[in-house]
Amino acid sequence: MYNTYISAAVAAVVELILFFVFDLSWWVSLMIGLIALAITLVLLSRITMKKVMLALETAGKDLQAQPPRFEKAVRELKDALQYGKWQFFVGGQLNSQIGMIYYMKRDFSNAFPYLEKSFFKNWAATAMLAVSYMKRQKKDKMISTFDKAVQWNGKEGMLWSLYAYCMNESGESARAKEILGKGLKKIPGDEKLKDNLECLEKGKKMNMRAYGDLWFQFHLESLGALQKHQMASMGGRMQRRMSVRR
């Protein structure tokens, strides 16, 4: 984006000066211009990414606070969206984070437009978008989004299971088994994928709770089930702390 345009302009100026002022050959001027382009692009990219990382770190601290400062984190990330005009893929990464925060808060209507603009390599955000399409009865969109997600994140076992789960919930049991089979080709030793495939072959429900918090963040179970899981997690943490004190 802007960083690329500025770098190209710098390279063009360097080439013209070397060719017309210093009377260097065109190919030498071109080579030096390309070097100038690369150096300028690297420097500008580092400056931009430093600002983006600062925004992400600040938002991360807000989310880890007790209680989490969700709105403040979202504001930090939205302010950083301005850097999307300067560096490729920055906008998609920030939109992914904003969409995921809204989604995990169950604010699905606000999450959706950000998830639509999410970075394709962020498998969790892309999966949340696919689930959103399923909830909106847009099965074709759900499938194409999941296909894109597994294409770029084929080593994520949870993603394959989630894709299969959504297909099974959409009445496509055979397709769900096929998806798990593809997942096992990518990750042959994944026990959770094997277990879920066996469940479907026996006509049972998939064991998605084996993924723990990773599964519950997609809000595909009832709010009551999520609350029970959170209470159980809290109880487990308290027991571990007591055992450490003893």
C-alpha atoms as a PDB file:
ATOM      1  CA  MET A   1       0.000   0.000   0.000  1.00  0.00           C
ATOM      2  CA  TYR A   2       1.413   3.422   0.961  1.00  0.00           C
ATOM      3  CA  ASN A   3       4.739   1.904   2.006  1.00  0.00           C
ATOM      4  CA  THR A   4       5.026   0.207  -1.382  1.00  0.00           C
ATOM      5  CA  TYR A   5       4.101   3.370  -3.291  1.00  0.00           C
ATOM      6  CA  ILE A   6       6.609   5.480  -1.352  1.00  0.00           C
ATOM      7  CA  SER A   7       9.349   2.887  -1.848  1.00  0.00           C
ATOM      8  CA  ALA A   8       8.645   2.731  -5.584  1.00  0.00           C
ATOM      9  CA  ALA A   9       8.787   6.532  -5.804  1.00  0.00           C
ATOM     10  CA  VAL A  10      12.139   6.587  -3.993  1.00  0.00           C
ATOM     11  CA  ALA A  11      13.487   3.933  -6.356  1.00  0.00           C
ATOM     12  CA  ALA A  12      12.307   5.889  -9.416  1.00  0.00           C
ATOM     13  CA  VAL A  13      13.955   9.106  -8.187  1.00  0.00           C
ATOM     14  CA  VAL A  14      17.235   7.291  -7.467  1.00  0.00           C
ATOM     15  CA  GLU A  15      17.216   5.687 -10.922  1.00  0.00           C
ATOM     16  CA  LEU A  16      16.561   8.998 -12.706  1.00  0.00           C
ATOM     17  CA  ILE A  17      19.268  10.844 -10.775  1.00  0.00           C
ATOM     18  CA  LEU A  18      21.837   8.134 -11.442  1.00  0.00           C
ATOM     19  CA  PHE A  19      20.931   7.883 -15.123  1.00  0.00           C
ATOM     20  CA  PHE A  20      20.565  11.565 -16.046  1.00  0.00           C
ATOM     21  CA  VAL A  21      22.812  13.326 -13.516  1.00  0.00           C
ATOM     22  CA  PHE A  22      25.609  10.808 -12.945  1.00  0.00           C
ATOM     23  CA  ASP A  23      25.349   9.346 -16.460  1.00  0.00           C
ATOM     24  CA  LEU A  24      25.350   5.752 -15.301  1.00  0.00           C
ATOM     25  CA  SER A  25      24.051   3.043 -17.626  1.00  0.00           C
ATOM     26  CA  TRP A  26      20.333   2.284 -17.413  1.00  0.00           C
ATOM     27  CA  TRP A  27      20.830  -1.221 -16.020  1.00  0.00           C
ATOM     28  CA  VAL A  28      23.203  -0.064 -13.256  1.00  0.00           C
ATOM     29  CA  SER A  29      20.722   2.704 -12.365  1.00  0.00           C
ATOM     30  CA  LEU A  30      17.930   0.133 -12.330  1.00  0.00           C
ATOM     31  CA  MET A  31      19.807  -2.256 -10.048  1.00  0.00           C
ATOM     32  CA  ILE A  32      20.685   0.489  -7.557  1.00  0.00           C
ATOM     33  CA  GLY A  33      17.074   1.734  -7.723  1.00  0.00           C
ATOM     34  CA  LEU A  34      15.793  -1.737  -6.855  1.00  0.00           C
ATOM     35  CA  ILE A  35      18.161  -1.877  -3.895  1.00  0.00           C
ATOM     36  CA  ALA A  36      16.852   1.521  -2.762  1.00  0.00           C
ATOM     37  CA  LEU A  37      13.290   0.219  -3.118  1.00  0.00           C
ATOM     38  CA  ALA A  38      14.015  -2.857  -0.953  1.00  0.00           C
ATOM     39  CA  ILE A  39      15.776  -0.874   1.778  1.00  0.00           C
ATOM     40  CA  THR A  40      13.048   1.782   1.922  1.00  0.00           C
ATOM     41  CA  LEU A  41      10.285  -0.839   1.995  1.00  0.00           C
ATOM     42  CA  VAL A  42      11.944  -2.765   4.833  1.00  0.00           C
ATOM     43  CA  LEU A  43      12.435   0.387   6.920  1.00  0.00           C
ATOM     44  CA  LEU A  44       8.876   1.650   6.388  1.00  0.00           C
ATOM     45  CA  SER A  45       7.426  -1.808   7.074  1.00  0.00           C
ATOM     46  CA  ARG A  46       9.316  -2.058  10.354  1.00  0.00           C
ATOM     47  CA  ILE A  47       8.060   1.347  11.462  1.00  0.00           C
ATOM     48  CA  THR A  48       4.466   0.415  10.592  1.00  0.00           C
ATOM     49  CA  MET A  49       4.607  -3.023  12.213  1.00  0.00           C
ATOM     50  CA  LYS A  50       6.135  -1.577  15.383  1.00  0.00           C
ATOM     51  CA  LYS A  51       3.057   0.639  15.754  1.00  0.00           C
ATOM     52  CA  VAL A  52       0.717  -2.272  14.996  1.00  0.00           C
ATOM     53  CA  MET A  53       2.426  -4.563  17.526  1.00  0.00           C
ATOM     54  CA  LEU A  54       2.176  -1.868  20.178  1.00  0.00           C
ATOM     55  CA  ALA A  55      -1.590  -1.647  19.580  1.00  0.00           C
ATOM     56  CA  LEU A  56      -1.914  -5.457  19.735  1.00  0.00           C
ATOM     57  CA  GLU A  57       0.094  -5.660  22.959  1.00  0.00           C
ATOM     58  CA  THR A  58      -1.974  -2.912  24.585  1.00  0.00           C
ATOM     59  CA  ALA A  59      -5.212  -4.598  23.521  1.00  0.00           C
ATOM     60  CA  GLY A  60      -3.883  -7.920  24.827  1.00  0.00           C
ATOM     61  CA  LYS A  61      -3.242  -6.422  28.257  1.00  0.00           C
ATOM     62  CA  ASP A  62      -6.779  -4.991  28.284  1.00  0.00           C
ATOM     63  CA  LEU A  63      -8.220  -8.421  27.506  1.00  0.00           C
ATOM     64  CA  GLN A  64      -6.142 -10.088  30.238  1.00  0.00           C
ATOM     65  CA  ALA A  65      -7.220  -7.570  32.889  1.00  0.00           C
ATOM     66  CA  GLN A  66      -9.699  -8.598  35.596  1.00  0.00           C
ATOM     67  CA  PRO A  67     -12.347  -7.866  34.575  1.00  0.00           C
ATOM     68  CA  PRO A  68     -11.378  -7.732  30.876  1.00  0.00           C
ATOM     69  CA  ARG A  69     -11.617  -4.295  29.267  1.00  0.00           C
ATOM     70  CA  PHE A  70     -13.217  -5.434  26.019  1.00  0.00           C
ATOM     71  CA  GLU A  71     -14.368  -2.048  24.756  1.00  0.00           C
ATOM     72  CA  LYS A  72     -10.986  -0.437  25.382  1.00  0.00           C
ATOM     73  CA  ALA A  73      -9.223  -3.269  23.552  1.00  0.00           C
ATOM     74  CA  VAL A  74     -11.548  -2.877  20.575  1.00  0.00           C
ATOM     75  CA  ARG A  75     -10.920   0.886  20.500  1.00  0.00           C
ATOM     76  CA  GLU A  76      -7.159   0.313  20.459  1.00  0.00           C
ATOM     77  CA  LEU A  77      -7.454  -2.085  17.533  1.00  0.00           C
ATOM     78  CA  LYS A  78      -9.868   0.120  15.606  1.00  0.00           C
ATOM     79  CA  ASP A  79      -7.474   3.062  15.982  1.00  0.00           C
ATOM     80  CA  ALA A  80      -4.710   0.867  14.552  1.00  0.00           C
ATOM     81  CA  LEU A  81      -6.788   0.073  11.436  1.00  0.00           C
ATOM     82  CA  GLN A  82      -5.362   3.257   9.899  1.00  0.00           C
ATOM     83  CA  TYR A  83      -2.095   1.347   9.377  1.00  0.00           C
ATOM     84  CA  GLY A  84      -3.889  -1.039   7.030  1.00  0.00           C
ATOM     85  CA  LYS A  85      -3.459   1.614   4.318  1.00  0.00           C
ATOM     86  CA  TRP A  86       0.282   1.529   4.817  1.00  0.00           C
ATOM     87  CA  GLN A  87       1.094  -2.185   4.953  1.00  0.00           C
ATOM     88  CA  PHE A  88      -0.383  -5.228   3.210  1.00  0.00           C
ATOM     89  CA  PHE A  89      -2.318  -7.730   5.395  1.00  0.00           C
ATOM     90  CA  VAL A  90      -2.281  -5.445   8.462  1.00  0.00           C
ATOM     91  CA  GLY A  91      -5.958  -4.553   8.000  1.00  0.00           C
ATOM     92  CA  GLY A  92      -6.937  -8.218   7.774  1.00  0.00           C
ATOM     93  CA  GLN A  93      -5.017  -9.116  10.926  1.00  0.00           C
ATOM     94  CA  LEU A  94      -6.586  -6.290  12.935  1.00  0.00           C
ATOM     95  CA  ASN A  95     -10.076  -7.032  11.605  1.00  0.00           C
ATOM     96  CA  SER A  96      -9.561 -10.664  12.660  1.00  0.00           C
ATOM     97  CA  GLN A  97      -8.787  -9.630  16.231  1.00  0.00           C
ATOM     98  CA  ILE A  98     -11.702  -7.176  16.461  1.00  0.00           C
ATOM     99  CA  GLY A  99     -14.137  -9.711  15.002  1.00  0.00           C
ATOM    100  CA  MET A 100     -12.970 -12.425  17.407  1.00  0.00           C
ATOM    101  CA  ILE A 101     -13.389 -10.161  20.436  1.00  0.00           C
ATOM    102  CA  TYR A 102     -16.961  -9.304  19.441  1.00  0.00           C
ATOM    103  CA  TYR A 103     -17.713 -12.957  18.620  1.00  0.00           C
ATOM    104  CA  MET A 104     -16.421 -14.268  21.944  1.00  0.00           C
ATOM    105  CA  LYS A 105     -18.588 -11.657  23.673  1.00  0.00           C
ATOM    106  CA  ARG A 106     -21.531 -13.138  21.712  1.00  0.00           C
ATOM    107  CA  ASP A 107     -21.986  -9.825  19.910  1.00  0.00           C
ATOM    108  CA  PHE A 108     -22.386 -11.656  16.626  1.00  0.00           C
ATOM    109  CA  SER A 109     -23.920  -8.791  14.649  1.00  0.00           C
ATOM    110  CA  ASN A 110     -20.906  -6.550  15.303  1.00  0.00           C
ATOM    111  CA  ALA A 111     -18.467  -9.415  14.828  1.00  0.00           C
ATOM    112  CA  PHE A 112     -19.691 -10.388  11.366  1.00  0.00           C
ATOM    113  CA  PRO A 113     -18.473  -7.412   9.240  1.00  0.00           C
ATOM    114  CA  TYR A 114     -15.008  -7.600  10.822  1.00  0.00           C
ATOM    115  CA  LEU A 115     -14.774 -11.362  10.386  1.00  0.00           C
ATOM    116  CA  GLU A 116     -15.690 -10.908   6.712  1.00  0.00           C
ATOM    117  CA  LYS A 117     -12.509  -8.822   6.336  1.00  0.00           C
ATOM    118  CA  SER A 118     -10.340 -11.109   8.460  1.00  0.00           C
ATOM    119  CA  PHE A 119      -6.899 -12.421   7.488  1.00  0.00           C
ATOM    120  CA  PHE A 120      -7.231 -15.799   5.753  1.00  0.00           C
ATOM    121  CA  LYS A 121      -4.336 -17.327   7.726  1.00  0.00           C
ATOM    122  CA  ASN A 122      -6.054 -16.633  11.045  1.00  0.00           C
ATOM    123  CA  TRP A 123      -7.906 -19.943  11.175  1.00  0.00           C
ATOM    124  CA  ALA A 124      -9.940 -19.141  14.295  1.00  0.00           C
ATOM    125  CA  ALA A 125     -11.352 -15.914  12.819  1.00  0.00           C
ATOM    126  CA  THR A 126     -12.058 -17.609   9.470  1.00  0.00           C
ATOM    127  CA  ALA A 127     -13.775 -20.491  11.272  1.00  0.00           C
ATOM    128  CA  MET A 128     -15.914 -18.032  13.253  1.00  0.00           C
ATOM    129  CA  LEU A 129     -16.947 -16.465   9.949  1.00  0.00           C
ATOM    130  CA  ALA A 130     -17.880 -19.900   8.584  1.00  0.00           C
ATOM    131  CA  VAL A 131     -19.963 -20.648  11.700  1.00  0.00           C
ATOM    132  CA  SER A 132     -21.642 -17.248  11.294  1.00  0.00           C
ATOM    133  CA  TYR A 133     -22.625 -18.199   7.742  1.00  0.00           C
ATOM    134  CA  MET A 134     -24.054 -21.492   9.038  1.00  0.00           C
ATOM    135  CA  LYS A 135     -26.160 -19.646  11.610  1.00  0.00           C
ATOM    136  CA  ARG A 136     -27.377 -17.345   8.837  1.00  0.00           C
ATOM    137  CA  GLN A 137     -28.452 -20.362   6.754  1.00  0.00           C
ATOM    138  CA  LYS A 138     -25.804 -19.677   4.095  1.00  0.00           C
ATOM    139  CA  LYS A 139     -24.469 -23.183   3.662  1.00  0.00           C
ATOM    140  CA  ASP A 140     -22.546 -22.555   0.422  1.00  0.00           C
ATOM    141  CA  LYS A 141     -20.748 -19.596   2.013  1.00  0.00           C
ATOM    142  CA  MET A 142     -19.975 -21.700   5.080  1.00  0.00           C
ATOM    143  CA  ILE A 143     -18.420 -24.453   2.953  1.00  0.00           C
ATOM    144  CA  SER A 144     -16.328 -22.096   0.800  1.00  0.00           C
ATOM    145  CA  THR A 145     -15.062 -20.301   3.916  1.00  0.00           C
ATOM    146  CA  PHE A 146     -14.095 -23.541   5.658  1.00  0.00           C
ATOM    147  CA  ASP A 147     -12.420 -24.767   2.451  1.00  0.00           C
ATOM    148  CA  LYS A 148     -10.329 -21.611   2.379  1.00  0.00           C
ATOM    149  CA  ALA A 149      -9.458 -22.028   6.063  1.00  0.00           C
ATOM    150  CA  VAL A 150      -8.240 -25.639   5.750  1.00  0.00           C
ATOM    151  CA  GLN A 151      -6.348 -24.789   2.570  1.00  0.00           C
ATOM    152  CA  TRP A 152      -4.127 -22.362   4.489  1.00  0.00           C
ATOM    153  CA  ASN A 153      -4.246 -24.014   7.935  1.00  0.00           C
ATOM    154  CA  GLY A 154      -4.260 -27.715   7.174  1.00  0.00           C
ATOM    155  CA  LYS A 155      -2.339 -28.691  10.315  1.00  0.00           C
ATOM    156  CA  GLU A 156      -5.016 -27.387  12.707  1.00  0.00           C
ATOM    157  CA  GLY A 157      -6.882 -30.448  13.947  1.00  0.00           C
ATOM    158  CA  MET A 158      -9.574 -28.418  15.679  1.00  0.00           C
ATOM    159  CA  LEU A 159     -10.383 -26.694  12.380  1.00  0.00           C
ATOM    160  CA  TRP A 160     -11.027 -29.996  10.599  1.00  0.00           C
ATOM    161  CA  SER A 161     -13.223 -31.215  13.458  1.00  0.00           C
ATOM    162  CA  LEU A 162     -15.158 -27.948  13.513  1.00  0.00           C
ATOM    163  CA  TYR A 163     -15.708 -28.106   9.747  1.00  0.00           C
ATOM    164  CA  ALA A 164     -16.972 -31.687  10.074  1.00  0.00           C
ATOM    165  CA  TYR A 165     -19.185 -30.764  13.026  1.00  0.00           C
ATOM    166  CA  CYS A 166     -20.864 -27.952  11.100  1.00  0.00           C
ATOM    167  CA  MET A 167     -21.397 -30.199   8.066  1.00  0.00           C
ATOM    168  CA  ASN A 168     -22.891 -32.897  10.282  1.00  0.00           C
ATOM    169  CA  GLU A 169     -25.186 -30.334  11.925  1.00  0.00           C
ATOM    170  CA  SER A 170     -26.246 -29.269   8.420  1.00  0.00           C
ATOM    171  CA  GLY A 171     -27.390 -32.836   7.670  1.00  0.00           C
ATOM    172  CA  GLU A 172     -24.265 -33.834   5.729  1.00  0.00           C
ATOM    173  CA  SER A 173     -22.986 -36.782   7.763  1.00  0.00           C
ATOM    174  CA  ALA A 174     -21.206 -38.449   4.837  1.00  0.00           C
ATOM    175  CA  ARG A 175     -19.499 -35.186   3.921  1.00  0.00           C
ATOM    176  CA  ALA A 176     -18.470 -34.719   7.566  1.00  0.00           C
ATOM    177  CA  LYS A 177     -16.758 -38.131   7.573  1.00  0.00           C
ATOM    178  CA  GLU A 178     -14.999 -37.246   4.332  1.00  0.00           C
ATOM    179  CA  ILE A 179     -13.704 -34.001   5.868  1.00  0.00           C
ATOM    180  CA  LEU A 180     -12.339 -35.823   8.928  1.00  0.00           C
ATOM    181  CA  GLY A 181     -10.669 -38.298   6.589  1.00  0.00           C
ATOM    182  CA  LYS A 182      -8.951 -35.448   4.750  1.00  0.00           C
ATOM    183  CA  GLY A 183      -7.898 -33.993   8.080  1.00  0.00           C
ATOM    184  CA  LEU A 184      -6.296 -37.285   9.095  1.00  0.00           C
ATOM    185  CA  LYS A 185      -4.319 -37.333   5.855  1.00  0.00           C
ATOM    186  CA  LYS A 186      -2.902 -33.952   6.808  1.00  0.00           C
ATOM    187  CA  ILE A 187      -2.413 -34.876  10.494  1.00  0.00           C
ATOM    188  CA  PRO A 188      -2.149 -38.710  10.625  1.00  0.00           C
ATOM    189  CA  GLY A 189      -1.557 -38.979  14.376  1.00  0.00           C
ATOM    190  CA  ASP A 190      -4.384 -36.708  15.560  1.00  0.00           C
ATOM    191  CA  GLU A 191      -6.299 -38.781  18.133  1.00  0.00           C
ATOM    192  CA  LYS A 192      -9.177 -36.289  18.424  1.00  0.00           C
ATOM    193  CA  LEU A 193      -9.822 -36.468  14.683  1.00  0.00           C
ATOM    194  CA  LYS A 194      -9.751 -40.275  14.839  1.00  0.00           C
ATOM    195  CA  ASP A 195     -12.138 -40.274  17.797  1.00  0.00           C
ATOM    196  CA  ASN A 196     -14.589 -37.943  16.054  1.00  0.00           C
ATOM    197  CA  LEU A 197     -14.518 -40.014  12.873  1.00  0.00           C
ATOM    198  CA  GLU A 198     -15.266 -43.158  14.901  1.00  0.00           C
ATOM    199  CA  CYS A 199     -18.136 -41.353  16.631  1.00  0.00           C
ATOM    200  CA  LEU A 200     -19.743 -40.443  13.312  1.00  0.00           C
ATOM    201  CA  GLU A 201     -19.233 -43.950  11.910  1.00  0.00           C
ATOM    202  CA  LYS A 202     -21.056 -45.333  14.976  1.00  0.00           C
ATOM    203  CA  GLY A 203     -23.847 -42.778  14.616  1.00  0.00           C
ATOM    204  CA  LYS A 204     -22.821 -40.905  17.758  1.00  0.00           C
ATOM    205  CA  LYS A 205     -22.270 -37.199  18.401  1.00  0.00           C
ATOM    206  CA  MET A 206     -18.800 -35.811  17.847  1.00  0.00           C
ATOM    207  CA  ASN A 207     -16.750 -35.257  21.007  1.00  0.00           C
ATOM    208  CA  MET A 208     -15.965 -31.571  20.510  1.00  0.00           C
ATOM    209  CA  ARG A 209     -15.577 -30.902  24.246  1.00  0.00           C
ATOM    210  CA  ALA A 210     -12.242 -32.694  24.083  1.00  0.00           C
ATOM    211  CA  TYR A 211     -10.905 -29.403  22.660  1.00  0.00           C
ATOM    212  CA  GLY A 212     -11.831 -27.549  25.870  1.00  0.00           C
ATOM    213  CA  ASP A 213     -11.910 -23.753  25.781  1.00  0.00           C
ATOM    214  CA  LEU A 214     -10.921 -23.785  22.115  1.00  0.00           C
ATOM    215  CA  TRP A 215     -14.268 -25.416  21.320  1.00  0.00           C
ATOM    216  CA  PHE A 216     -16.412 -23.299  23.609  1.00  0.00           C
ATOM    217  CA  GLN A 217     -15.153 -20.035  22.073  1.00  0.00           C
ATOM    218  CA  PHE A 218     -17.195 -20.817  18.946  1.00  0.00           C
ATOM    219  CA  HIS A 219     -20.465 -20.715  20.936  1.00  0.00           C
ATOM    220  CA  LEU A 220     -21.991 -23.754  19.276  1.00  0.00           C
ATOM    221  CA  GLU A 221     -23.355 -25.080  22.553  1.00  0.00           C
ATOM    222  CA  SER A 222     -26.003 -23.538  24.774  1.00  0.00           C
ATOM    223  CA  LEU A 223     -25.129 -20.695  27.135  1.00  0.00           C
ATOM    224  CA  GLY A 224     -25.911 -23.025  30.053  1.00  0.00           C
ATOM    225  CA  ALA A 225     -23.347 -25.579  28.840  1.00  0.00           C
ATOM    226  CA  LEU A 226     -20.758 -22.839  28.473  1.00  0.00           C
ATOM    227  CA  GLN A 227     -21.419 -21.577  32.021  1.00  0.00           C
ATOM    228  CA  LYS A 228     -21.084 -25.103  33.422  1.00  0.00           C
ATOM    229  CA  HIS A 229     -17.766 -25.496  31.606  1.00  0.00           C
ATOM    230  CA  GLN A 230     -16.495 -22.183  32.974  1.00  0.00           C
ATOM    231  CA  MET A 231     -17.513 -23.134  36.520  1.00  0.00           C
ATOM    232  CA  ALA A 232     -15.773 -26.512  36.162  1.00  0.00           C
ATOM    233  CA  SER A 233     -12.626 -24.793  34.867  1.00  0.00           C
ATOM    234  CA  MET A 234     -12.672 -22.365  37.778  1.00  0.00           C
ATOM    235  CA  GLY A 235     -13.091 -25.246  40.215  1.00  0.00           C
ATOM    236  CA  GLY A 236     -10.143 -27.075  38.675  1.00  0.00           C
ATOM    237  CA  ARG A 237      -7.937 -23.999  38.952  1.00  0.00           C
ATOM    238  CA  MET A 238      -8.894 -23.522  42.603  1.00  0.00           C
ATOM    239  CA  GLN A 239      -8.084 -27.150  43.398  1.00  0.00           C
ATOM    240  CA  ARG A 240      -4.652 -26.815  41.754  1.00  0.00           C
ATOM    241  CA  ARG A 241      -3.913 -23.682  43.766  1.00  0.00           C
ATOM    242  CA  MET A 242      -4.922 -25.415  47.022  1.00  0.00           C
ATOM    243  CA  SER A 243      -2.732 -28.405  46.255  1.00  0.00           C
ATOM    244  CA  VAL A 244       0.227 -26.108  45.559  1.00  0.00           C
ATOM    245  CA  ARG A 245      -0.286 -24.303  48.919  1.00  0.00           C
ATOM    246  CA  ARG A 246      -0.296 -27.611  50.772  1.00  0.00           C
END
